């Protein structure tokens, strides 16, 4: 599915935001974005159009994620940039 990715590496902000449009992402779901650079220069802000893949969690994983989420922020999310 198409998505928009906002990358910023400035002194004020360091983030990567993904806009999936109307797709709902819930507890335990995984989103993989393909075709982006693995890094941008310091001081740079760029917006890309790319492709994303959403793997929705099953009933057990969704329930487990909700249950463990109530006890703290253990592995709340996993972010990786691979080149």
PDB file of N, CA and C in Angstrom:
ATOM      1  N   UNK A   1       0.842  -1.164   0.000  1.00  0.00           N
ATOM      2  CA  UNK A   1       0.000   0.000   0.000  1.00  0.00           C
ATOM      3  C   UNK A   1       0.892   1.234   0.000  1.00  0.00           C
ATOM      4  N   UNK A   2       0.474   2.304  -0.636  1.00  0.00           N
ATOM      5  CA  UNK A   2       1.273   3.527  -0.639  1.00  0.00           C
ATOM      6  C   UNK A   2       1.253   4.205   0.731  1.00  0.00           C
ATOM      7  N   UNK A   3       2.354   4.872   1.046  1.00  0.00           N
ATOM      8  CA  UNK A   3       2.450   5.609   2.302  1.00  0.00           C
ATOM      9  C   UNK A   3       3.342   6.831   2.104  1.00  0.00           C
ATOM     10  N   UNK A   4       3.266   7.747   3.050  1.00  0.00           N
ATOM     11  CA  UNK A   4       4.127   8.923   3.057  1.00  0.00           C
ATOM     12  C   UNK A   4       4.988   8.856   4.310  1.00  0.00           C
ATOM     13  N   UNK A   5       6.288   9.100   4.141  1.00  0.00           N
ATOM     14  CA  UNK A   5       7.222   9.031   5.259  1.00  0.00           C
ATOM     15  C   UNK A   5       7.903  10.387   5.418  1.00  0.00           C
ATOM     16  N   UNK A   6       7.848  10.924   6.625  1.00  0.00           N
ATOM     17  CA  UNK A   6       8.469  12.204   6.965  1.00  0.00           C
ATOM     18  C   UNK A   6       9.690  11.904   7.823  1.00  0.00           C
ATOM     19  N   UNK A   7      10.891  12.175   7.297  1.00  0.00           N
ATOM     20  CA  UNK A   7      12.136  11.964   8.037  1.00  0.00           C
ATOM     21  C   UNK A   7      12.739  13.315   8.378  1.00  0.00           C
ATOM     22  N   UNK A   8      13.181  13.467   9.620  1.00  0.00           N
ATOM     23  CA  UNK A   8      13.828  14.716  10.023  1.00  0.00           C
ATOM     24  C   UNK A   8      14.968  14.410  10.981  1.00  0.00           C
ATOM     25  N   UNK A   9      16.134  15.015  10.712  1.00  0.00           N
ATOM     26  CA  UNK A   9      17.314  14.860  11.561  1.00  0.00           C
ATOM     27  C   UNK A   9      17.918  16.243  11.800  1.00  0.00           C
ATOM     28  N   UNK A  10      17.181  17.085  12.507  1.00  0.00           N
ATOM     29  CA  UNK A  10      17.657  18.435  12.811  1.00  0.00           C
ATOM     30  C   UNK A  10      17.963  18.531  14.301  1.00  0.00           C
ATOM     31  N   UNK A  11      18.480  19.693  14.716  1.00  0.00           N
ATOM     32  CA  UNK A  11      18.766  19.885  16.143  1.00  0.00           C
ATOM     33  C   UNK A  11      17.486  19.945  16.963  1.00  0.00           C
ATOM     34  N   UNK A  12      16.383  20.329  16.334  1.00  0.00           N
ATOM     35  CA  UNK A  12      15.107  20.423  17.040  1.00  0.00           C
ATOM     36  C   UNK A  12      14.361  19.094  17.085  1.00  0.00           C
ATOM     37  N   UNK A  13      14.461  18.302  16.009  1.00  0.00           N
ATOM     38  CA  UNK A  13      13.698  17.057  15.910  1.00  0.00           C
ATOM     39  C   UNK A  13      14.533  15.951  15.276  1.00  0.00           C
ATOM     40  N   UNK A  14      14.301  14.736  15.748  1.00  0.00           N
ATOM     41  CA  UNK A  14      14.897  13.542  15.142  1.00  0.00           C
ATOM     42  C   UNK A  14      13.785  12.503  15.102  1.00  0.00           C
ATOM     43  N   UNK A  15      13.158  12.331  13.933  1.00  0.00           N
ATOM     44  CA  UNK A  15      12.008  11.433  13.879  1.00  0.00           C
ATOM     45  C   UNK A  15      11.813  10.835  12.493  1.00  0.00           C
ATOM     46  N   UNK A  16      10.997   9.805  12.477  1.00  0.00           N
ATOM     47  CA  UNK A  16      10.509   9.185  11.244  1.00  0.00           C
ATOM     48  C   UNK A  16       9.029   8.893  11.465  1.00  0.00           C
ATOM     49  N   UNK A  17       8.166   9.589  10.744  1.00  0.00           N
ATOM     50  CA  UNK A  17       6.719   9.409  10.862  1.00  0.00           C
ATOM     51  C   UNK A  17       6.190   8.783   9.578  1.00  0.00           C
ATOM     52  N   UNK A  18       5.336   7.786   9.720  1.00  0.00           N
ATOM     53  CA  UNK A  18       4.731   7.113   8.571  1.00  0.00           C
ATOM     54  C   UNK A  18       3.235   7.387   8.576  1.00  0.00           C
ATOM     55  N   UNK A  19       2.719   7.840   7.446  1.00  0.00           N
ATOM     56  CA  UNK A  19       1.284   8.073   7.281  1.00  0.00           C
ATOM     57  C   UNK A  19       0.745   6.997   6.348  1.00  0.00           C
ATOM     58  N   UNK A  20      -0.103   6.125   6.886  1.00  0.00           N
ATOM     59  CA  UNK A  20      -0.668   5.017   6.114  1.00  0.00           C
ATOM     60  C   UNK A  20      -2.044   5.345   5.549  1.00  0.00           C
ATOM     61  N   UNK A  21      -2.426   6.591   5.629  1.00  0.00           N
ATOM     62  CA  UNK A  21      -3.746   6.968   5.122  1.00  0.00           C
ATOM     63  C   UNK A  21      -4.834   6.481   6.053  1.00  0.00           C
ATOM     64  N   UNK A  22      -5.796   5.748   5.522  1.00  0.00           N
ATOM     65  CA  UNK A  22      -6.942   5.275   6.304  1.00  0.00           C
ATOM     66  C   UNK A  22      -6.734   3.909   6.952  1.00  0.00           C
ATOM     67  N   UNK A  23      -5.553   3.326   6.830  1.00  0.00           N
ATOM     68  CA  UNK A  23      -5.301   1.992   7.384  1.00  0.00           C
ATOM     69  C   UNK A  23      -5.165   2.086   8.901  1.00  0.00           C
ATOM     70  N   UNK A  24      -5.907   1.254   9.608  1.00  0.00           N
ATOM     71  CA  UNK A  24      -5.857   1.206  11.063  1.00  0.00           C
ATOM     72  C   UNK A  24      -4.770   0.232  11.509  1.00  0.00           C
ATOM     73  N   UNK A  25      -3.924   0.663  12.448  1.00  0.00           N
ATOM     74  CA  UNK A  25      -2.875  -0.182  13.020  1.00  0.00           C
ATOM     75  C   UNK A  25      -3.190  -0.340  14.496  1.00  0.00           C
ATOM     76  N   UNK A  26      -3.237  -1.595  14.955  1.00  0.00           N
ATOM     77  CA  UNK A  26      -3.601  -1.868  16.337  1.00  0.00           C
ATOM     78  C   UNK A  26      -2.482  -2.529  17.114  1.00  0.00           C
ATOM     79  N   UNK A  27      -2.740  -2.861  18.377  1.00  0.00           N
ATOM     80  CA  UNK A  27      -1.748  -3.515  19.222  1.00  0.00           C
ATOM     81  C   UNK A  27      -1.268  -4.825  18.602  1.00  0.00           C
ATOM     82  N   UNK A  28       0.052  -4.991  18.536  1.00  0.00           N
ATOM     83  CA  UNK A  28       0.643  -6.212  18.002  1.00  0.00           C
ATOM     84  C   UNK A  28       0.860  -6.211  16.503  1.00  0.00           C
ATOM     85  N   UNK A  29       0.301  -5.250  15.785  1.00  0.00           N
ATOM     86  CA  UNK A  29       0.493  -5.181  14.334  1.00  0.00           C
ATOM     87  C   UNK A  29       1.927  -4.762  14.017  1.00  0.00           C
ATOM     88  N   UNK A  30       2.408  -5.145  12.839  1.00  0.00           N
ATOM     89  CA  UNK A  30       3.750  -4.781  12.386  1.00  0.00           C
ATOM     90  C   UNK A  30       3.645  -4.050  11.053  1.00  0.00           C
ATOM     91  N   UNK A  31       4.407  -2.966  10.923  1.00  0.00           N
ATOM     92  CA  UNK A  31       4.436  -2.187   9.684  1.00  0.00           C
ATOM     93  C   UNK A  31       5.863  -2.189   9.156  1.00  0.00           C
ATOM     94  N   UNK A  32       6.034  -2.576   7.897  1.00  0.00           N
ATOM     95  CA  UNK A  32       7.335  -2.552   7.238  1.00  0.00           C
ATOM     96  C   UNK A  32       7.246  -1.603   6.052  1.00  0.00           C
ATOM     97  N   UNK A  33       8.165  -0.636   6.007  1.00  0.00           N
ATOM     98  CA  UNK A  33       8.211   0.331   4.907  1.00  0.00           C
ATOM     99  C   UNK A  33       9.438   0.020   4.071  1.00  0.00           C
ATOM    100  N   UNK A  34       9.258  -0.065   2.770  1.00  0.00           N
ATOM    101  CA  UNK A  34      10.346  -0.425   1.856  1.00  0.00           C
ATOM    102  C   UNK A  34      10.711   0.756   0.956  1.00  0.00           C
ATOM    103  N   UNK A  35      11.964   0.731   0.482  1.00  0.00           N
ATOM    104  CA  UNK A  35      12.397   1.684  -0.530  1.00  0.00           C
ATOM    105  C   UNK A  35      12.798   3.054  -0.027  1.00  0.00           C
ATOM    106  N   UNK A  36      13.240   3.146   1.222  1.00  0.00           N
ATOM    107  CA  UNK A  36      13.674   4.434   1.766  1.00  0.00           C
ATOM    108  C   UNK A  36      15.176   4.425   1.997  1.00  0.00           C
ATOM    109  N   UNK A  37      15.808   5.600   2.016  1.00  0.00           N
ATOM    110  CA  UNK A  37      17.231   5.637   2.359  1.00  0.00           C
ATOM    111  C   UNK A  37      17.418   5.229   3.815  1.00  0.00           C
ATOM    112  N   UNK A  38      18.551   4.629   4.131  1.00  0.00           N
ATOM    113  CA  UNK A  38      18.802   4.192   5.507  1.00  0.00           C
ATOM    114  C   UNK A  38      19.237   5.346   6.401  1.00  0.00           C
ATOM    115  N   UNK A  39      19.590   6.484   5.793  1.00  0.00           N
ATOM    116  CA  UNK A  39      19.969   7.646   6.598  1.00  0.00           C
ATOM    117  C   UNK A  39      19.812   8.921   5.783  1.00  0.00           C
ATOM    118  N   UNK A  40      19.654  10.011   6.511  1.00  0.00           N
ATOM    119  CA  UNK A  40      19.665  11.334   5.888  1.00  0.00           C
ATOM    120  C   UNK A  40      20.687  12.169   6.647  1.00  0.00           C
ATOM    121  N   UNK A  41      21.162  13.222   6.027  1.00  0.00           N
ATOM    122  CA  UNK A  41      22.193  14.061   6.635  1.00  0.00           C
ATOM    123  C   UNK A  41      21.629  14.846   7.819  1.00  0.00           C
ATOM    124  N   UNK A  42      22.500  15.126   8.786  1.00  0.00           N
ATOM    125  CA  UNK A  42      22.112  15.950   9.928  1.00  0.00           C
ATOM    126  C   UNK A  42      21.698  17.329   9.404  1.00  0.00           C
ATOM    127  N   UNK A  43      20.608  17.848   9.929  1.00  0.00           N
ATOM    128  CA  UNK A  43      20.092  19.137   9.497  1.00  0.00           C
ATOM    129  C   UNK A  43      19.101  19.034   8.350  1.00  0.00           C
ATOM    130  N   UNK A  44      18.814  17.813   7.928  1.00  0.00           N
ATOM    131  CA  UNK A  44      17.950  17.602   6.770  1.00  0.00           C
ATOM    132  C   UNK A  44      16.546  17.164   7.186  1.00  0.00           C
ATOM    133  N   UNK A  45      15.564  17.578   6.412  1.00  0.00           N
ATOM    134  CA  UNK A  45      14.182  17.129   6.566  1.00  0.00           C
ATOM    135  C   UNK A  45      13.690  16.753   5.176  1.00  0.00           C
ATOM    136  N   UNK A  46      13.181  15.515   5.033  1.00  0.00           N
ATOM    137  CA  UNK A  46      12.724  15.045   3.727  1.00  0.00           C
ATOM    138  C   UNK A  46      11.426  14.270   3.873  1.00  0.00           C
ATOM    139  N   UNK A  47      10.611  14.327   2.833  1.00  0.00           N
ATOM    140  CA  UNK A  47       9.352  13.586   2.778  1.00  0.00           C
ATOM    141  C   UNK A  47       9.409  12.676   1.562  1.00  0.00           C
ATOM    142  N   UNK A  48       9.089  11.403   1.763  1.00  0.00           N
ATOM    143  CA  UNK A  48       9.144  10.394   0.708  1.00  0.00           C
ATOM    144  C   UNK A  48       7.774   9.757   0.517  1.00  0.00           C
ATOM    145  N   UNK A  49       7.523   9.309  -0.693  1.00  0.00           N
ATOM    146  CA  UNK A  49       6.384   8.442  -0.970  1.00  0.00           C
ATOM    147  C   UNK A  49       6.960   7.053  -1.172  1.00  0.00           C
ATOM    148  N   UNK A  50       6.414   6.068  -0.480  1.00  0.00           N
ATOM    149  CA  UNK A  50       6.965   4.722  -0.525  1.00  0.00           C
ATOM    150  C   UNK A  50       5.845   3.695  -0.446  1.00  0.00           C
ATOM    151  N   UNK A  51       6.234   2.442  -0.251  1.00  0.00           N
ATOM    152  CA  UNK A  51       5.292   1.339  -0.105  1.00  0.00           C
ATOM    153  C   UNK A  51       5.434   0.738   1.290  1.00  0.00           C
ATOM    154  N   UNK A  52       4.306   0.442   1.916  1.00  0.00           N
ATOM    155  CA  UNK A  52       4.298  -0.159   3.248  1.00  0.00           C
ATOM    156  C   UNK A  52       3.541  -1.476   3.215  1.00  0.00           C
ATOM    157  N   UNK A  53       3.937  -2.344   4.114  1.00  0.00           N
ATOM    158  CA  UNK A  53       3.259  -3.632   4.288  1.00  0.00           C
ATOM    159  C   UNK A  53       2.814  -3.710   5.749  1.00  0.00           C
ATOM    160  N   UNK A  54       1.543  -3.952   5.973  1.00  0.00           N
ATOM    161  CA  UNK A  54       1.004  -4.050   7.331  1.00  0.00           C
ATOM    162  C   UNK A  54       0.621  -5.500   7.593  1.00  0.00           C
ATOM    163  N   UNK A  55       1.195  -6.077   8.661  1.00  0.00           N
ATOM    164  CA  UNK A  55       0.846  -7.434   9.087  1.00  0.00           C
ATOM    165  C   UNK A  55       0.009  -7.299  10.357  1.00  0.00           C
ATOM    166  N   UNK A  56      -1.277  -7.551  10.224  1.00  0.00           N
ATOM    167  CA  UNK A  56      -2.170  -7.426  11.378  1.00  0.00           C
ATOM    168  C   UNK A  56      -1.988  -8.618  12.309  1.00  0.00           C
ATOM    169  N   UNK A  57      -1.973  -8.339  13.600  1.00  0.00           N
ATOM    170  CA  UNK A  57      -1.795  -9.375  14.616  1.00  0.00           C
ATOM    171  C   UNK A  57      -3.028 -10.261  14.689  1.00  0.00           C
ATOM    172  N   UNK A  58      -2.786 -11.507  15.053  1.00  0.00           N
ATOM    173  CA  UNK A  58      -3.892 -12.422  15.292  1.00  0.00           C
ATOM    174  C   UNK A  58      -4.496 -12.168  16.667  1.00  0.00           C
ATOM    175  N   UNK A  59      -5.498 -12.926  16.990  1.00  0.00           N
ATOM    176  CA  UNK A  59      -6.220 -12.740  18.257  1.00  0.00           C
ATOM    177  C   UNK A  59      -5.299 -12.929  19.459  1.00  0.00           C
ATOM    178  N   UNK A  60      -4.457 -13.973  19.439  1.00  0.00           N
ATOM    179  CA  UNK A  60      -3.589 -14.266  20.584  1.00  0.00           C
ATOM    180  C   UNK A  60      -2.533 -13.176  20.753  1.00  0.00           C
ATOM    181  N   UNK A  61      -1.862 -12.806  19.666  1.00  0.00           N
ATOM    182  CA  UNK A  61      -0.819 -11.771  19.762  1.00  0.00           C
ATOM    183  C   UNK A  61      -1.417 -10.426  20.185  1.00  0.00           C
ATOM    184  N   UNK A  62      -2.569 -10.081  19.660  1.00  0.00           N
ATOM    185  CA  UNK A  62      -3.206  -8.811  20.024  1.00  0.00           C
ATOM    186  C   UNK A  62      -3.552  -8.808  21.521  1.00  0.00           C
ATOM    187  N   UNK A  63      -4.109  -9.917  22.019  1.00  0.00           N
ATOM    188  CA  UNK A  63      -4.455 -10.015  23.441  1.00  0.00           C
ATOM    189  C   UNK A  63      -3.198  -9.956  24.309  1.00  0.00           C
ATOM    190  N   UNK A  64      -2.137 -10.657  23.900  1.00  0.00           N
ATOM    191  CA  UNK A  64      -0.877 -10.664  24.646  1.00  0.00           C
ATOM    192  C   UNK A  64      -0.270  -9.257  24.696  1.00  0.00           C
ATOM    193  N   UNK A  65      -0.299  -8.552  23.581  1.00  0.00           N
ATOM    194  CA  UNK A  65       0.245  -7.195  23.525  1.00  0.00           C
ATOM    195  C   UNK A  65      -0.540  -6.263  24.438  1.00  0.00           C
ATOM    196  N   UNK A  66      -1.855  -6.381  24.430  1.00  0.00           N
ATOM    197  CA  UNK A  66      -2.677  -5.545  25.315  1.00  0.00           C
ATOM    198  C   UNK A  66      -2.401  -5.862  26.780  1.00  0.00           C
ATOM    199  N   UNK A  67      -2.290  -7.153  27.115  1.00  0.00           N
ATOM    200  CA  UNK A  67      -2.047  -7.567  28.495  1.00  0.00           C
ATOM    201  C   UNK A  67      -0.697  -7.071  28.991  1.00  0.00           C
ATOM    202  N   UNK A  68       0.371  -7.323  28.233  1.00  0.00           N
ATOM    203  CA  UNK A  68       1.707  -6.914  28.678  1.00  0.00           C
ATOM    204  C   UNK A  68       1.876  -5.404  28.639  1.00  0.00           C
ATOM    205  N   UNK A  69       1.116  -4.725  27.800  1.00  0.00           N
ATOM    206  CA  UNK A  69       1.186  -3.270  27.727  1.00  0.00           C
ATOM    207  C   UNK A  69       0.684  -2.588  28.984  1.00  0.00           C
ATOM    208  N   UNK A  70      -0.139  -3.264  29.739  1.00  0.00           N
ATOM    209  CA  UNK A  70      -0.675  -2.686  30.976  1.00  0.00           C
ATOM    210  C   UNK A  70       0.362  -2.668  32.100  1.00  0.00           C
ATOM    211  N   UNK A  71       1.433  -3.453  31.958  1.00  0.00           N
ATOM    212  CA  UNK A  71       2.418  -3.585  33.028  1.00  0.00           C
ATOM    213  C   UNK A  71       3.686  -2.788  32.789  1.00  0.00           C
ATOM    214  N   UNK A  72       3.718  -1.928  31.819  1.00  0.00           N
ATOM    215  CA  UNK A  72       4.903  -1.101  31.577  1.00  0.00           C
ATOM    216  C   UNK A  72       5.205  -0.978  30.097  1.00  0.00           C
ATOM    217  N   UNK A  73       6.217  -0.221  29.822  1.00  0.00           N
ATOM    218  CA  UNK A  73       6.603   0.033  28.436  1.00  0.00           C
ATOM    219  C   UNK A  73       7.732  -0.904  28.022  1.00  0.00           C
ATOM    220  N   UNK A  74       7.497  -2.180  28.035  1.00  0.00           N
ATOM    221  CA  UNK A  74       8.496  -3.157  27.636  1.00  0.00           C
ATOM    222  C   UNK A  74       8.385  -3.389  26.136  1.00  0.00           C
ATOM    223  N   UNK A  75       9.409  -3.008  25.407  1.00  0.00           N
ATOM    224  CA  UNK A  75       9.430  -3.194  23.953  1.00  0.00           C
ATOM    225  C   UNK A  75       8.156  -2.663  23.320  1.00  0.00           C
ATOM    226  N   UNK A  76       7.836  -1.419  23.643  1.00  0.00           N
ATOM    227  CA  UNK A  76       6.619  -0.809  23.126  1.00  0.00           C
ATOM    228  C   UNK A  76       6.622  -0.805  21.605  1.00  0.00           C
ATOM    229  N   UNK A  77       7.764  -0.528  21.029  1.00  0.00           N
ATOM    230  CA  UNK A  77       7.875  -0.569  19.578  1.00  0.00           C
ATOM    231  C   UNK A  77       9.312  -0.888  19.202  1.00  0.00           C
ATOM    232  N   UNK A  78       9.508  -1.373  18.013  1.00  0.00           N
ATOM    233  CA  UNK A  78      10.832  -1.699  17.499  1.00  0.00           C
ATOM    234  C   UNK A  78      11.039  -0.897  16.225  1.00  0.00           C
ATOM    235  N   UNK A  79      12.053  -0.063  16.208  1.00  0.00           N
ATOM    236  CA  UNK A  79      12.345   0.754  15.039  1.00  0.00           C
ATOM    237  C   UNK A  79      13.700   0.343  14.505  1.00  0.00           C
ATOM    238  N   UNK A  80      13.767   0.082  13.224  1.00  0.00           N
ATOM    239  CA  UNK A  80      15.038  -0.274  12.616  1.00  0.00           C
ATOM    240  C   UNK A  80      15.217   0.415  11.282  1.00  0.00           C
ATOM    241  N   UNK A  81      16.449   0.821  11.017  1.00  0.00           N
ATOM    242  CA  UNK A  81      16.799   1.399   9.726  1.00  0.00           C
ATOM    243  C   UNK A  81      17.891   0.520   9.138  1.00  0.00           C
ATOM    244  N   UNK A  82      17.596  -0.117   8.040  1.00  0.00           N
ATOM    245  CA  UNK A  82      18.561  -1.014   7.414  1.00  0.00           C
ATOM    246  C   UNK A  82      18.875  -0.530   6.016  1.00  0.00           C
ATOM    247  N   UNK A  83      20.138  -0.628   5.647  1.00  0.00           N
ATOM    248  CA  UNK A  83      20.558  -0.168   4.320  1.00  0.00           C
ATOM    249  C   UNK A  83      20.740  -1.280   3.349  1.00  0.00           C
TER     250      UNK A  83
END
